[in-house]
Amino acid sequence: MAPTACRAKIFGGGNMFSARPRRLEPPRSDAATARAARSLLQEHGIEIESESLFGDETHRQIAFDVETGHVWARQVSPPGAPAAGGKGSTP
C-alpha cells in the first residue's frame, strides 16, 4: 500500500509525568513534536484526518478500532485536578 493511501490521526502533547523532577526529564517542546509529526506525514503524502494535541499536564486514554478506523479519546486530569471531558473521532 502506498503511503498516500493512508490517513493519519495524531494524538499527544500532554505532560503526564509532570510530577517528576525536571532534572530527570530531557528538555522537550510539545509544539516542536507536533510540528515534526505533521511535517513527516506531509513529507510522505499522508493526510492528517484528525488530531488532538495539547501541552498541559493531562494525558489521554485512546481506544482505536482497527476494523473501522474509529478513535475515541478521553482526556484524563492529574490527581486532584477537576475532571476533564472527552470526545470521539470518526473515520
PDB file of N, CA and C in Angstrom:
ATOM      1  N   MET A   1       0.846  -1.174   0.000  1.00  0.00           N
ATOM      2  CA  MET A   1       0.000   0.000   0.000  1.00  0.00           C
ATOM      3  C   MET A   1       0.895   1.242   0.000  1.00  0.00           C
ATOM      4  N   ALA A   2       0.566   2.177  -0.849  1.00  0.00           N
ATOM      5  CA  ALA A   2       1.321   3.432  -0.925  1.00  0.00           C
ATOM      6  C   ALA A   2       0.991   4.312   0.272  1.00  0.00           C
ATOM      7  N   PRO A   3       1.975   5.059   0.766  1.00  0.00           N
ATOM      8  CA  PRO A   3       1.712   5.958   1.898  1.00  0.00           C
ATOM      9  C   PRO A   3       0.550   6.912   1.638  1.00  0.00           C
ATOM     10  N   THR A   4       0.368   7.320   0.384  1.00  0.00           N
ATOM     11  CA  THR A   4      -0.709   8.269   0.076  1.00  0.00           C
ATOM     12  C   THR A   4      -2.086   7.634   0.245  1.00  0.00           C
ATOM     13  N   ALA A   5      -2.155   6.310   0.346  1.00  0.00           N
ATOM     14  CA  ALA A   5      -3.426   5.630   0.594  1.00  0.00           C
ATOM     15  C   ALA A   5      -3.764   5.606   2.086  1.00  0.00           C
ATOM     16  N   CYS A   6      -2.848   6.080   2.905  1.00  0.00           N
ATOM     17  CA  CYS A   6      -3.050   6.083   4.362  1.00  0.00           C
ATOM     18  C   CYS A   6      -3.624   7.416   4.819  1.00  0.00           C
ATOM     19  N   ARG A   7      -4.273   7.373   5.967  1.00  0.00           N
ATOM     20  CA  ARG A   7      -4.744   8.587   6.639  1.00  0.00           C
ATOM     21  C   ARG A   7      -4.242   8.522   8.070  1.00  0.00           C
ATOM     22  N   ALA A   8      -3.934   9.682   8.637  1.00  0.00           N
ATOM     23  CA  ALA A   8      -3.381   9.722   9.997  1.00  0.00           C
ATOM     24  C   ALA A   8      -4.331  10.432  10.951  1.00  0.00           C
ATOM     25  N   LYS A   9      -4.296   9.977  12.194  1.00  0.00           N
ATOM     26  CA  LYS A   9      -4.940  10.654  13.315  1.00  0.00           C
ATOM     27  C   LYS A   9      -3.851  10.756  14.368  1.00  0.00           C
ATOM     28  N   ILE A  10      -3.516  11.979  14.772  1.00  0.00           N
ATOM     29  CA  ILE A  10      -2.397  12.147  15.696  1.00  0.00           C
ATOM     30  C   ILE A  10      -2.884  12.683  17.042  1.00  0.00           C
ATOM     31  N   PHE A  11      -2.296  12.134  18.089  1.00  0.00           N
ATOM     32  CA  PHE A  11      -2.659  12.477  19.461  1.00  0.00           C
ATOM     33  C   PHE A  11      -1.371  12.663  20.252  1.00  0.00           C
ATOM     34  N   GLY A  12      -1.375  13.568  21.197  1.00  0.00           N
ATOM     35  CA  GLY A  12      -0.205  13.717  22.050  1.00  0.00           C
ATOM     36  C   GLY A  12      -0.062  15.107  22.614  1.00  0.00           C
ATOM     37  N   GLY A  13       1.072  15.317  23.252  1.00  0.00           N
ATOM     38  CA  GLY A  13       1.395  16.629  23.776  1.00  0.00           C
ATOM     39  C   GLY A  13       1.138  16.825  25.250  1.00  0.00           C
ATOM     40  N   GLY A  14       0.436  15.906  25.889  1.00  0.00           N
ATOM     41  CA  GLY A  14       0.190  16.045  27.321  1.00  0.00           C
ATOM     42  C   GLY A  14       1.417  15.657  28.131  1.00  0.00           C
ATOM     43  N   ASN A  15       1.623  16.340  29.241  1.00  0.00           N
ATOM     44  CA  ASN A  15       2.756  16.042  30.110  1.00  0.00           C
ATOM     45  C   ASN A  15       2.266  15.186  31.282  1.00  0.00           C
ATOM     46  N   MET A  16       2.113  13.895  31.057  1.00  0.00           N
ATOM     47  CA  MET A  16       1.539  13.029  32.081  1.00  0.00           C
ATOM     48  C   MET A  16       2.517  12.695  33.202  1.00  0.00           C
ATOM     49  N   PHE A  17       3.760  13.116  33.082  1.00  0.00           N
ATOM     50  CA  PHE A  17       4.753  12.869  34.125  1.00  0.00           C
ATOM     51  C   PHE A  17       5.202  14.185  34.764  1.00  0.00           C
ATOM     52  N   SER A  18       4.296  15.139  34.901  1.00  0.00           N
ATOM     53  CA  SER A  18       4.662  16.463  35.395  1.00  0.00           C
ATOM     54  C   SER A  18       5.162  16.438  36.834  1.00  0.00           C
ATOM     55  N   ALA A  19       4.823  15.403  37.601  1.00  0.00           N
ATOM     56  CA  ALA A  19       5.263  15.335  38.999  1.00  0.00           C
ATOM     57  C   ALA A  19       6.735  14.930  39.122  1.00  0.00           C
ATOM     58  N   ARG A  20       7.320  14.417  38.064  1.00  0.00           N
ATOM     59  CA  ARG A  20       8.735  14.010  38.098  1.00  0.00           C
ATOM     60  C   ARG A  20       9.622  15.245  38.149  1.00  0.00           C
ATOM     61  N   PRO A  21      10.697  15.175  38.886  1.00  0.00           N
ATOM     62  CA  PRO A  21      11.636  16.312  38.903  1.00  0.00           C
ATOM     63  C   PRO A  21      12.139  16.614  37.490  1.00  0.00           C
ATOM     64  N   ARG A  22      12.209  17.865  37.137  1.00  0.00           N
ATOM     65  CA  ARG A  22      12.625  18.274  35.795  1.00  0.00           C
ATOM     66  C   ARG A  22      14.023  17.768  35.436  1.00  0.00           C
ATOM     67  N   ARG A  23      14.899  17.612  36.422  1.00  0.00           N
ATOM     68  CA  ARG A  23      16.262  17.170  36.103  1.00  0.00           C
ATOM     69  C   ARG A  23      16.273  15.750  35.540  1.00  0.00           C
ATOM     70  N   LEU A  24      15.176  14.979  35.753  1.00  0.00           N
ATOM     71  CA  LEU A  24      15.103  13.615  35.237  1.00  0.00           C
ATOM     72  C   LEU A  24      14.529  13.553  33.828  1.00  0.00           C
ATOM     73  N   GLU A  25      13.963  14.651  33.390  1.00  0.00           N
ATOM     74  CA  GLU A  25      13.338  14.663  32.072  1.00  0.00           C
ATOM     75  C   GLU A  25      14.203  15.410  31.070  1.00  0.00           C
ATOM     76  N   PRO A  26      14.301  14.888  29.854  1.00  0.00           N
ATOM     77  CA  PRO A  26      15.016  15.646  28.818  1.00  0.00           C
ATOM     78  C   PRO A  26      14.193  16.871  28.442  1.00  0.00           C
ATOM     79  N   PRO A  27      14.857  17.928  27.982  1.00  0.00           N
ATOM     80  CA  PRO A  27      14.104  19.096  27.527  1.00  0.00           C
ATOM     81  C   PRO A  27      13.169  18.687  26.392  1.00  0.00           C
ATOM     82  N   ARG A  28      11.987  19.234  26.362  1.00  0.00           N
ATOM     83  CA  ARG A  28      11.054  18.865  25.306  1.00  0.00           C
ATOM     84  C   ARG A  28      10.204  20.051  24.919  1.00  0.00           C
ATOM     85  N   SER A  29       9.700  20.002  23.748  1.00  0.00           N
ATOM     86  CA  SER A  29       8.788  21.023  23.264  1.00  0.00           C
ATOM     87  C   SER A  29       7.632  20.312  22.594  1.00  0.00           C
ATOM     88  N   ASP A  30       6.468  20.376  23.227  1.00  0.00           N
ATOM     89  CA  ASP A  30       5.299  19.717  22.656  1.00  0.00           C
ATOM     90  C   ASP A  30       4.966  20.287  21.288  1.00  0.00           C
ATOM     91  N   ALA A  31       5.131  21.596  21.135  1.00  0.00           N
ATOM     92  CA  ALA A  31       4.849  22.223  19.842  1.00  0.00           C
ATOM     93  C   ALA A  31       5.811  21.706  18.777  1.00  0.00           C
ATOM     94  N   ALA A  32       7.079  21.522  19.135  1.00  0.00           N
ATOM     95  CA  ALA A  32       8.066  21.009  18.182  1.00  0.00           C
ATOM     96  C   ALA A  32       7.740  19.576  17.784  1.00  0.00           C
ATOM     97  N   THR A  33       7.297  18.783  18.734  1.00  0.00           N
ATOM     98  CA  THR A  33       6.928  17.391  18.442  1.00  0.00           C
ATOM     99  C   THR A  33       5.739  17.348  17.491  1.00  0.00           C
ATOM    100  N   ALA A  34       4.748  18.184  17.732  1.00  0.00           N
ATOM    101  CA  ALA A  34       3.577  18.239  16.850  1.00  0.00           C
ATOM    102  C   ALA A  34       3.980  18.684  15.448  1.00  0.00           C
ATOM    103  N   ARG A  35       4.855  19.705  15.352  1.00  0.00           N
ATOM    104  CA  ARG A  35       5.324  20.157  14.032  1.00  0.00           C
ATOM    105  C   ARG A  35       6.068  19.039  13.310  1.00  0.00           C
ATOM    106  N   ALA A  36       6.896  18.288  14.044  1.00  0.00           N
ATOM    107  CA  ALA A  36       7.656  17.198  13.422  1.00  0.00           C
ATOM    108  C   ALA A  36       6.718  16.110  12.903  1.00  0.00           C
ATOM    109  N   ALA A  37       5.703  15.775  13.682  1.00  0.00           N
ATOM    110  CA  ALA A  37       4.744  14.753  13.240  1.00  0.00           C
ATOM    111  C   ALA A  37       4.028  15.206  11.978  1.00  0.00           C
ATOM    112  N   ARG A  38       3.547  16.435  11.989  1.00  0.00           N
ATOM    113  CA  ARG A  38       2.854  16.955  10.805  1.00  0.00           C
ATOM    114  C   ARG A  38       3.780  16.993   9.590  1.00  0.00           C
ATOM    115  N   SER A  39       5.009  17.431   9.808  1.00  0.00           N
ATOM    116  CA  SER A  39       5.976  17.540   8.711  1.00  0.00           C
ATOM    117  C   SER A  39       6.289  16.177   8.089  1.00  0.00           C
ATOM    118  N   LEU A  40       6.523  15.179   8.942  1.00  0.00           N
ATOM    119  CA  LEU A  40       6.819  13.836   8.433  1.00  0.00           C
ATOM    120  C   LEU A  40       5.646  13.252   7.660  1.00  0.00           C
ATOM    121  N   LEU A  41       4.452  13.437   8.171  1.00  0.00           N
ATOM    122  CA  LEU A  41       3.281  12.921   7.469  1.00  0.00           C
ATOM    123  C   LEU A  41       3.108  13.623   6.131  1.00  0.00           C
ATOM    124  N   GLN A  42       3.256  14.951   6.123  1.00  0.00           N
ATOM    125  CA  GLN A  42       3.147  15.709   4.883  1.00  0.00           C
ATOM    126  C   GLN A  42       4.223  15.275   3.882  1.00  0.00           C
ATOM    127  N   GLU A  43       5.438  15.086   4.370  1.00  0.00           N
ATOM    128  CA  GLU A  43       6.554  14.667   3.512  1.00  0.00           C
ATOM    129  C   GLU A  43       6.258  13.351   2.788  1.00  0.00           C
ATOM    130  N   HIS A  44       5.509  12.485   3.446  1.00  0.00           N
ATOM    131  CA  HIS A  44       5.179  11.177   2.865  1.00  0.00           C
ATOM    132  C   HIS A  44       3.808  11.153   2.199  1.00  0.00           C
ATOM    133  N   GLY A  45       3.172  12.317   2.096  1.00  0.00           N
ATOM    134  CA  GLY A  45       1.891  12.410   1.403  1.00  0.00           C
ATOM    135  C   GLY A  45       0.732  11.794   2.170  1.00  0.00           C
ATOM    136  N   ILE A  46       0.840  11.728   3.495  1.00  0.00           N
ATOM    137  CA  ILE A  46      -0.213  11.130   4.311  1.00  0.00           C
ATOM    138  C   ILE A  46      -1.088  12.245   4.881  1.00  0.00           C
ATOM    139  N   GLU A  47      -2.370  12.170   4.572  1.00  0.00           N
ATOM    140  CA  GLU A  47      -3.331  13.170   5.033  1.00  0.00           C
ATOM    141  C   GLU A  47      -3.601  13.016   6.531  1.00  0.00           C
ATOM    142  N   ILE A  48      -3.601  14.138   7.248  1.00  0.00           N
ATOM    143  CA  ILE A  48      -3.977  14.126   8.659  1.00  0.00           C
ATOM    144  C   ILE A  48      -5.481  14.328   8.716  1.00  0.00           C
ATOM    145  N   GLU A  49      -6.169  13.280   9.125  1.00  0.00           N
ATOM    146  CA  GLU A  49      -7.629  13.300   9.168  1.00  0.00           C
ATOM    147  C   GLU A  49      -8.156  14.006  10.412  1.00  0.00           C
ATOM    148  N   SER A  50      -7.489  13.789  11.531  1.00  0.00           N
ATOM    149  CA  SER A  50      -7.879  14.476  12.762  1.00  0.00           C
ATOM    150  C   SER A  50      -6.690  14.490  13.708  1.00  0.00           C
ATOM    151  N   GLU A  51      -6.754  15.404  14.688  1.00  0.00           N
ATOM    152  CA  GLU A  51      -5.676  15.480  15.660  1.00  0.00           C
ATOM    153  C   GLU A  51      -6.200  16.026  16.980  1.00  0.00           C
ATOM    154  N   SER A  52      -5.508  15.666  18.029  1.00  0.00           N
ATOM    155  CA  SER A  52      -5.793  16.182  19.362  1.00  0.00           C
ATOM    156  C   SER A  52      -4.447  16.347  20.050  1.00  0.00           C
ATOM    157  N   LEU A  53      -3.957  17.579  20.051  1.00  0.00           N
ATOM    158  CA  LEU A  53      -2.638  17.874  20.598  1.00  0.00           C
ATOM    159  C   LEU A  53      -2.762  19.011  21.600  1.00  0.00           C
ATOM    160  N   PHE A  54      -2.190  18.844  22.756  1.00  0.00           N
ATOM    161  CA  PHE A  54      -2.159  19.912  23.740  1.00  0.00           C
ATOM    162  C   PHE A  54      -0.972  19.694  24.649  1.00  0.00           C
ATOM    163  N   GLY A  55      -0.532  20.738  25.331  1.00  0.00           N
ATOM    164  CA  GLY A  55       0.673  20.661  26.132  1.00  0.00           C
ATOM    165  C   GLY A  55       0.463  20.901  27.612  1.00  0.00           C
ATOM    166  N   ASP A  56      -0.697  20.559  28.117  1.00  0.00           N
ATOM    167  CA  ASP A  56      -0.904  20.779  29.550  1.00  0.00           C
ATOM    168  C   ASP A  56      -0.538  19.524  30.350  1.00  0.00           C
ATOM    169  N   GLU A  57      -0.908  19.493  31.597  1.00  0.00           N
ATOM    170  CA  GLU A  57      -0.491  18.386  32.464  1.00  0.00           C
ATOM    171  C   GLU A  57      -1.551  17.305  32.578  1.00  0.00           C
ATOM    172  N   THR A  58      -2.083  16.941  31.459  1.00  0.00           N
ATOM    173  CA  THR A  58      -3.041  15.835  31.401  1.00  0.00           C
ATOM    174  C   THR A  58      -2.557  14.842  30.362  1.00  0.00           C
ATOM    175  N   HIS A  59      -3.235  13.728  30.295  1.00  0.00           N
ATOM    176  CA  HIS A  59      -2.932  12.768  29.237  1.00  0.00           C
ATOM    177  C   HIS A  59      -4.253  12.222  28.706  1.00  0.00           C
ATOM    178  N   ARG A  60      -4.184  11.389  27.711  1.00  0.00           N
ATOM    179  CA  ARG A  60      -5.379  10.829  27.093  1.00  0.00           C
ATOM    180  C   ARG A  60      -5.391   9.314  27.222  1.00  0.00           C
ATOM    181  N   GLN A  61      -6.575   8.804  27.235  1.00  0.00           N
ATOM    182  CA  GLN A  61      -6.765   7.370  27.045  1.00  0.00           C
ATOM    183  C   GLN A  61      -7.363   7.242  25.652  1.00  0.00           C
ATOM    184  N   ILE A  62      -6.747   6.401  24.848  1.00  0.00           N
ATOM    185  CA  ILE A  62      -7.150   6.254  23.452  1.00  0.00           C
ATOM    186  C   ILE A  62      -7.672   4.841  23.220  1.00  0.00           C
ATOM    187  N   ALA A  63      -8.794   4.751  22.522  1.00  0.00           N
ATOM    188  CA  ALA A  63      -9.307   3.460  22.051  1.00  0.00           C
ATOM    189  C   ALA A  63      -9.384   3.555  20.538  1.00  0.00           C
ATOM    190  N   PHE A  64      -8.818   2.581  19.862  1.00  0.00           N
ATOM    191  CA  PHE A  64      -8.760   2.590  18.402  1.00  0.00           C
ATOM    192  C   PHE A  64      -9.338   1.291  17.881  1.00  0.00           C
ATOM    193  N   ASP A  65     -10.348   1.387  17.043  1.00  0.00           N
ATOM    194  CA  ASP A  65     -10.965   0.220  16.413  1.00  0.00           C
ATOM    195  C   ASP A  65     -10.285   0.013  15.062  1.00  0.00           C
ATOM    196  N   VAL A  66      -9.433  -1.000  14.972  1.00  0.00           N
ATOM    197  CA  VAL A  66      -8.652  -1.215  13.749  1.00  0.00           C
ATOM    198  C   VAL A  66      -9.524  -1.616  12.561  1.00  0.00           C
ATOM    199  N   GLU A  67     -10.691  -2.155  12.825  1.00  0.00           N
ATOM    200  CA  GLU A  67     -11.567  -2.565  11.726  1.00  0.00           C
ATOM    201  C   GLU A  67     -12.257  -1.368  11.075  1.00  0.00           C
ATOM    202  N   THR A  68     -12.725  -0.423  11.887  1.00  0.00           N
ATOM    203  CA  THR A  68     -13.481   0.711  11.349  1.00  0.00           C
ATOM    204  C   THR A  68     -12.658   1.991  11.225  1.00  0.00           C
ATOM    205  N   GLY A  69     -11.555   2.087  11.976  1.00  0.00           N
ATOM    206  CA  GLY A  69     -10.760   3.301  11.987  1.00  0.00           C
ATOM    207  C   GLY A  69     -11.263   4.337  12.975  1.00  0.00           C
ATOM    208  N   HIS A  70     -12.320   4.021  13.723  1.00  0.00           N
ATOM    209  CA  HIS A  70     -12.817   4.956  14.736  1.00  0.00           C
ATOM    210  C   HIS A  70     -11.827   5.076  15.881  1.00  0.00           C
ATOM    211  N   VAL A  71     -11.703   6.290  16.393  1.00  0.00           N
ATOM    212  CA  VAL A  71     -10.846   6.548  17.549  1.00  0.00           C
ATOM    213  C   VAL A  71     -11.674   7.299  18.586  1.00  0.00           C
ATOM    214  N   TRP A  72     -11.535   6.877  19.828  1.00  0.00           N
ATOM    215  CA  TRP A  72     -12.148   7.581  20.947  1.00  0.00           C
ATOM    216  C   TRP A  72     -11.021   8.034  21.858  1.00  0.00           C
ATOM    217  N   ALA A  73     -11.035   9.306  22.205  1.00  0.00           N
ATOM    218  CA  ALA A  73     -10.000   9.862  23.067  1.00  0.00           C
ATOM    219  C   ALA A  73     -10.674  10.511  24.271  1.00  0.00           C
ATOM    220  N   ARG A  74     -10.135  10.205  25.442  1.00  0.00           N
ATOM    221  CA  ARG A  74     -10.652  10.802  26.673  1.00  0.00           C
ATOM    222  C   ARG A  74      -9.496  11.459  27.386  1.00  0.00           C
ATOM    223  N   GLN A  75      -9.645  12.755  27.659  1.00  0.00           N
ATOM    224  CA  GLN A  75      -8.614  13.487  28.380  1.00  0.00           C
ATOM    225  C   GLN A  75      -8.713  13.130  29.857  1.00  0.00           C
ATOM    226  N   VAL A  76      -7.579  12.817  30.484  1.00  0.00           N
ATOM    227  CA  VAL A  76      -7.536  12.423  31.882  1.00  0.00           C
ATOM    228  C   VAL A  76      -6.752  13.469  32.662  1.00  0.00           C
ATOM    229  N   SER A  77      -7.370  13.991  33.711  1.00  0.00           N
ATOM    230  CA  SER A  77      -6.717  15.007  34.536  1.00  0.00           C
ATOM    231  C   SER A  77      -5.821  14.366  35.579  1.00  0.00           C
ATOM    232  N   PRO A  78      -4.783  15.081  36.021  1.00  0.00           N
ATOM    233  CA  PRO A  78      -3.929  14.548  37.084  1.00  0.00           C
ATOM    234  C   PRO A  78      -4.710  14.467  38.393  1.00  0.00           C
ATOM    235  N   PRO A  79      -4.242  13.648  39.345  1.00  0.00           N
ATOM    236  CA  PRO A  79      -4.933  13.542  40.620  1.00  0.00           C
ATOM    237  C   PRO A  79      -5.111  14.915  41.281  1.00  0.00           C
ATOM    238  N   GLY A  80      -6.309  15.163  41.797  1.00  0.00           N
ATOM    239  CA  GLY A  80      -6.595  16.411  42.469  1.00  0.00           C
ATOM    240  C   GLY A  80      -7.079  17.530  41.563  1.00  0.00           C
ATOM    241  N   ALA A  81      -7.013  17.329  40.263  1.00  0.00           N
ATOM    242  CA  ALA A  81      -7.463  18.355  39.321  1.00  0.00           C
ATOM    243  C   ALA A  81      -8.919  18.081  38.949  1.00  0.00           C
ATOM    244  N   PRO A  82      -9.641  19.107  38.479  1.00  0.00           N
ATOM    245  CA  PRO A  82     -11.015  18.888  38.030  1.00  0.00           C
ATOM    246  C   PRO A  82     -11.062  17.884  36.891  1.00  0.00           C
ATOM    247  N   ALA A  83     -12.131  17.140  36.793  1.00  0.00           N
ATOM    248  CA  ALA A  83     -12.280  16.123  35.737  1.00  0.00           C
ATOM    249  C   ALA A  83     -12.298  16.779  34.370  1.00  0.00           C
ATOM    250  N   ALA A  84     -11.705  16.100  33.400  1.00  0.00           N
ATOM    251  CA  ALA A  84     -11.666  16.578  32.020  1.00  0.00           C
ATOM    252  C   ALA A  84     -12.721  15.839  31.213  1.00  0.00           C
ATOM    253  N   GLY A  85     -13.184  16.473  30.151  1.00  0.00           N
ATOM    254  CA  GLY A  85     -14.163  15.837  29.272  1.00  0.00           C
ATOM    255  C   GLY A  85     -13.495  14.975  28.229  1.00  0.00           C
ATOM    256  N   GLY A  86     -14.268  14.331  27.410  1.00  0.00           N
ATOM    257  CA  GLY A  86     -13.719  13.502  26.354  1.00  0.00           C
ATOM    258  C   GLY A  86     -14.470  13.755  25.067  1.00  0.00           C
ATOM    259  N   LYS A  87     -13.893  13.345  23.966  1.00  0.00           N
ATOM    260  CA  LYS A  87     -14.605  13.466  22.707  1.00  0.00           C
ATOM    261  C   LYS A  87     -14.148  12.373  21.771  1.00  0.00           C
ATOM    262  N   GLY A  88     -15.020  11.992  20.894  1.00  0.00           N
ATOM    263  CA  GLY A  88     -14.704  10.912  19.973  1.00  0.00           C
ATOM    264  C   GLY A  88     -14.334  11.445  18.607  1.00  0.00           C
ATOM    265  N   SER A  89     -13.827  10.566  17.796  1.00  0.00           N
ATOM    266  CA  SER A  89     -13.441  10.908  16.438  1.00  0.00           C
ATOM    267  C   SER A  89     -13.880   9.761  15.549  1.00  0.00           C
ATOM    268  N   THR A  90     -14.355  10.069  14.363  1.00  0.00           N
ATOM    269  CA  THR A  90     -14.776   9.023  13.444  1.00  0.00           C
ATOM    270  C   THR A  90     -13.938   9.084  12.197  1.00  0.00           C
ATOM    271  N   PRO A  91     -13.909   7.987  11.446  1.00  0.00           N
ATOM    272  CA  PRO A  91     -13.075   7.980  10.232  1.00  0.00           C
ATOM    273  C   PRO A  91     -13.539   8.926   9.173  1.00  0.00           C
TER     274      PRO A  91
END
